């Protein structure tokens, strides 16, 4: 009798727990709203926060009569990475951004294997890693370089990539 009662109690508890944890659209929406609200600081107005987020997105600029998305950001060479000899960090074609350097380095190695010898990894002030496919200090050559990377069939790039990253001082 005790075994039967214990088994019944365990079964009822288990079924209650299983039915109480169902994922619903309301739960997803509540979790999304909570995560969205955590993204804004308590002391920052939502409009200011949205303006800051918009500033992070590449903005179109005219280069040789064509519009190319560009973004200015503080970057440095990632620890342990080398910038190819003689390369200036004036105009960098960004093709990916990662939170973990391992993933960024894997993409960089893939680019080098595809013939992008200037490929490297740059680190942002926010501790993220941007993968650069190509770079130049010649604004005149930028359009051609950008179009080549953009049209590369071996890369499956998602918006906002590729874009041109121009470094800025802190």
Protein backbone atom coordinates (compact mmCIF):
# COMPACT_ATOMS: atom_id res chain seq x y z
CA UNK A 1 0.00 0.00 0.00
CA UNK A 2 2.82 2.41 0.85
CA UNK A 3 4.58 1.62 -2.44
CA UNK A 4 1.38 2.23 -4.39
CA UNK A 5 0.77 5.55 -2.61
CA UNK A 6 4.38 6.67 -3.19
CA UNK A 7 4.18 5.68 -6.87
CA UNK A 8 0.89 7.58 -7.25
CA UNK A 9 2.37 10.67 -5.57
CA UNK A 10 5.45 10.59 -7.82
CA UNK A 11 3.30 10.16 -10.94
CA UNK A 12 1.01 13.07 -10.00
CA UNK A 13 3.96 15.33 -9.16
CA UNK A 14 5.70 14.47 -12.42
CA UNK A 15 2.61 15.07 -14.53
CA UNK A 16 1.96 18.39 -12.77
CA UNK A 17 5.50 19.55 -13.42
CA UNK A 18 5.38 18.49 -17.06
CA UNK A 19 2.10 20.25 -17.80
CA UNK A 20 3.09 23.37 -15.83
CA UNK A 21 6.15 24.10 -17.99
CA UNK A 22 4.55 24.19 -21.42
CA UNK A 23 5.89 26.82 -23.75
CA UNK A 24 3.21 29.15 -24.98
CA UNK A 25 3.15 32.19 -27.21
CA UNK A 26 2.45 34.31 -24.13
CA UNK A 27 5.58 32.95 -22.43
CA UNK A 28 7.68 33.69 -25.52
CA UNK A 29 6.28 37.22 -25.72
CA UNK A 30 6.92 37.86 -22.02
CA UNK A 31 10.50 36.58 -22.33
CA UNK A 32 11.06 38.70 -25.44
CA UNK A 33 9.76 41.85 -23.75
CA UNK A 34 11.92 41.19 -20.70
CA UNK A 35 15.03 40.70 -22.85
CA UNK A 36 14.19 43.79 -24.91
CA UNK A 37 13.82 45.91 -21.78
CA UNK A 38 17.10 44.61 -20.36
CA UNK A 39 18.82 45.99 -23.46
CA UNK A 40 18.07 49.54 -22.43
CA UNK A 41 19.71 51.12 -19.44
CA UNK A 42 17.41 52.37 -16.73
CA UNK A 43 18.86 55.87 -17.01
CA UNK A 44 18.64 56.10 -20.82
CA UNK A 45 15.49 57.24 -22.59
CA UNK A 46 14.16 54.76 -25.19
CA UNK A 47 14.58 57.34 -28.00
CA UNK A 48 18.21 57.93 -27.04
CA UNK A 49 18.82 54.18 -26.86
CA UNK A 50 17.27 53.71 -30.33
CA UNK A 51 19.46 56.52 -31.70
CA UNK A 52 22.57 54.85 -30.26
CA UNK A 53 21.58 51.50 -31.79
CA UNK A 54 20.90 53.16 -35.16
CA UNK A 55 24.34 54.79 -35.05
CA UNK A 56 25.90 51.34 -34.81
CA UNK A 57 24.44 50.42 -38.19
CA UNK A 58 26.45 51.15 -41.34
CA UNK A 59 25.36 54.34 -43.08
CA UNK A 60 25.56 54.77 -46.87
CA UNK A 61 28.28 57.09 -48.17
CA UNK A 62 29.15 58.06 -51.72
CA UNK A 63 32.37 56.55 -53.09
CA UNK A 64 33.17 57.07 -56.78
CA UNK A 65 29.53 57.79 -57.55
CA UNK A 66 28.20 54.72 -55.75
CA UNK A 67 26.65 54.30 -52.32
CA UNK A 68 28.61 52.03 -49.99
CA UNK A 69 27.63 51.28 -46.38
CA UNK A 70 30.28 52.57 -43.97
CA UNK A 71 30.66 52.61 -40.22
CA UNK A 72 33.18 54.29 -37.91
CA UNK A 73 34.22 52.44 -34.78
CA UNK A 74 37.15 52.13 -32.44
CA UNK A 75 39.00 48.91 -33.26
CA UNK A 76 42.36 47.36 -32.52
CA UNK A 77 44.11 44.26 -33.78
CA UNK A 78 42.90 41.23 -31.84
CA UNK A 79 45.41 39.79 -29.39
CA UNK A 80 47.51 37.14 -31.09
CA UNK A 81 46.56 38.23 -34.60
CA UNK A 82 48.82 39.96 -37.06
CA UNK A 83 47.93 42.64 -39.54
CA UNK A 84 49.45 41.80 -42.94
CA UNK A 85 52.67 43.71 -43.61
CA UNK A 86 52.25 47.23 -44.94
CA UNK A 87 48.51 47.22 -44.43
CA UNK A 88 46.85 50.40 -43.24
CA UNK A 89 43.57 50.28 -41.39
CA UNK A 90 41.95 53.12 -43.32
CA UNK A 91 39.14 51.23 -45.14
CA UNK A 92 38.33 47.68 -44.03
CA UNK A 93 35.73 45.44 -45.66
CA UNK A 94 33.96 43.78 -42.71
CA UNK A 95 32.29 40.44 -43.43
CA UNK A 96 31.38 39.14 -39.98
CA UNK A 97 31.31 39.85 -36.26
CA UNK A 98 31.59 37.35 -33.43
CA UNK A 99 31.60 37.31 -29.65
CA UNK A 100 34.17 34.52 -29.55
CA UNK A 101 37.57 34.96 -31.15
CA UNK A 102 37.69 31.28 -32.16
CA UNK A 103 34.76 31.77 -34.55
CA UNK A 104 36.27 34.97 -35.95
CA UNK A 105 39.61 33.25 -36.56
CA UNK A 106 37.92 30.33 -38.30
CA UNK A 107 36.19 32.70 -40.71
CA UNK A 108 39.46 34.59 -41.21
CA UNK A 109 41.27 31.35 -42.09
CA UNK A 110 38.51 30.50 -44.54
CA UNK A 111 38.95 33.91 -46.20
CA UNK A 112 42.72 33.41 -46.47
CA UNK A 113 42.03 30.05 -48.11
CA UNK A 114 39.78 31.84 -50.61
CA UNK A 115 42.63 34.16 -51.58
CA UNK A 116 42.01 37.13 -49.27
CA UNK A 117 45.56 37.44 -47.97
CA UNK A 118 44.77 40.69 -46.09
CA UNK A 119 42.09 38.97 -43.99
CA UNK A 120 42.45 39.59 -40.26
CA UNK A 121 40.48 39.94 -37.04
CA UNK A 122 39.92 43.29 -35.32
CA UNK A 123 38.61 43.76 -31.79
CA UNK A 124 35.98 46.36 -30.89
CA UNK A 125 35.78 48.36 -27.69
CA UNK A 126 32.75 46.21 -26.84
CA UNK A 127 34.95 43.07 -26.82
CA UNK A 128 33.58 41.67 -30.07
CA UNK A 129 35.64 40.48 -33.02
CA UNK A 130 35.14 41.79 -36.55
CA UNK A 131 36.45 39.76 -39.47
CA UNK A 132 38.02 41.84 -42.23
CA UNK A 133 38.29 40.34 -45.72
CA UNK A 134 40.26 43.10 -47.41
CA UNK A 135 41.59 46.58 -46.69
CA UNK A 136 42.97 49.58 -48.49
CA UNK A 137 44.06 53.10 -47.77
CA UNK A 138 43.03 54.19 -51.28
CA UNK A 139 39.44 55.46 -51.36
CA UNK A 140 39.52 55.20 -55.15
CA UNK A 141 40.08 51.43 -55.01
CA UNK A 142 37.47 50.94 -52.30
CA UNK A 143 34.44 50.53 -54.57
CA UNK A 144 36.03 47.77 -56.63
CA UNK A 145 37.26 45.95 -53.54
CA UNK A 146 33.84 46.21 -51.86
CA UNK A 147 32.02 44.91 -54.95
CA UNK A 148 34.43 41.96 -55.21
CA UNK A 149 33.78 40.90 -51.61
CA UNK A 150 30.04 41.53 -51.93
CA UNK A 151 29.84 39.33 -55.03
CA UNK A 152 31.95 36.49 -53.59
CA UNK A 153 30.00 33.28 -54.07
CA UNK A 154 31.89 31.40 -51.34
CA UNK A 155 30.66 33.81 -48.65
CA UNK A 156 27.07 33.73 -47.46
CA UNK A 157 26.84 37.18 -45.92
CA UNK A 158 23.81 38.45 -44.03
CA UNK A 159 22.85 42.09 -43.54
CA UNK A 160 24.54 44.39 -42.69
CA UNK A 161 27.58 42.64 -44.23
CA UNK A 162 29.65 43.48 -46.08
CA UNK A 163 30.29 47.05 -45.06
CA UNK A 164 33.32 49.31 -44.84
CA UNK A 165 34.73 49.82 -41.36
CA UNK A 166 36.78 52.94 -40.82
CA UNK A 167 38.61 53.01 -37.51
CA UNK A 168 38.30 55.93 -35.13
CA UNK A 169 40.21 56.91 -32.00
CA UNK A 170 38.53 56.38 -28.64
